[in-house]
Amino acid sequence: MDSYFDIIVAGGGPAGLTAAIYARRAGRSVLVLEKEGFGGQIASAPKVENFPGLPAISGAELADRLYGQAEALGARIELEQVLEIRDGRPWTVTTDYGTYRCAAVILATGMRRRTLGLPGEERLPGVSFCAVCDGAFYAGKDVAVCGGGNTALQDALFLADLCRHVTLIHRRQAFRGDPILAEALARRENVSFALDTVVTALLGQERLTGLALRDAAGRERTLAVDGLFEAVGQLPERALSASLVAVDAAGFIRAGEDCRTGVPGIFAAGDCRTKEVRQLTTACADGAVAALSACRWCEAAGAD
């Protein structure tokens, strides 16, 4: 197969797939490279209710639709991890499977999950980062969700339909997520809240048996649970961007609303970009803007 493309998109989430759709509609050859799963983290959402025109859809179905649309338009989509992007005319993109060349690169690498940083977090069975993926294993059991944003609230609602009891733990008094979700949780009889509270340790040797908690007043207690679902935020993927383009102190790619990074031929789209609002709709908007900017760059650069 031809290893040259007008535009290579690093990342197959909503921003990356939208970029592929717009670039293909503009007549450019496009390669999308994704290292894990297409659709990004939205693919694990049990229900998406804030995407215009689709009042209730699962994240997995939305991801499938984006993927199918990009593929139907002729984008080449590969499950490969980008290892290196080298400067030149054209750019050289190396993955764990091969090497490709392109006139423009769109970085749509998204975010990775933040952890609590506790001993045993990565190895102890019973700790999960995906309620949709693992919730069924805890049917009829007691679980906890840690976090205060929309993901944590949605996870708690999803688990409340499966589990005997759900404890939602948040380090602040007020949730950051949508009030409508918090109100829905408050109406559930099998949901309780541990606010102004942090998890200080994971209990159990062979698997998780409980949590050590401490509240804002310094009081400590243990909570017996069979599972912990973490939803404590996200961090930008930095492996590619840190050495390629300018990033801020947190690792987000410095790029304006035109999605230009300051490095000619490199664009940034989605949650990996410096921005005020990180939502599904703004990720898709970034993908469209980055694609059109990249198409103009290809035209100026004389890419056929």
Foldseek 3Di string as FASTA:
>chain_A
DAQEWAEEEEAQALLRLLLLLQLLVVVTAYEYEAADDHHPPQLLQQWDQPDPPPRTDRSVVVRVVSVVSSVVSPHHYDNWHFQAWDDDVWIWTQTPVGIHTHNFYEYAQAWAADDPPAPPQVPAAQEAAGCSVCLQVAFAWEEEEEAQEPVSLSSQVVNLVGYQAYEYEYLAPHGPYDVVSVVVQVPRPRYHYHYNKDFDHFDDDRHGQWTWMAHPVGDIDIGGGRHYHYDHDTAADQSHDVVPADADPRRAQEDDPLQDRPPQRYGYAAPSHDDDDHDSVRRSSRSNSRSVVSVVSCVVVVPD
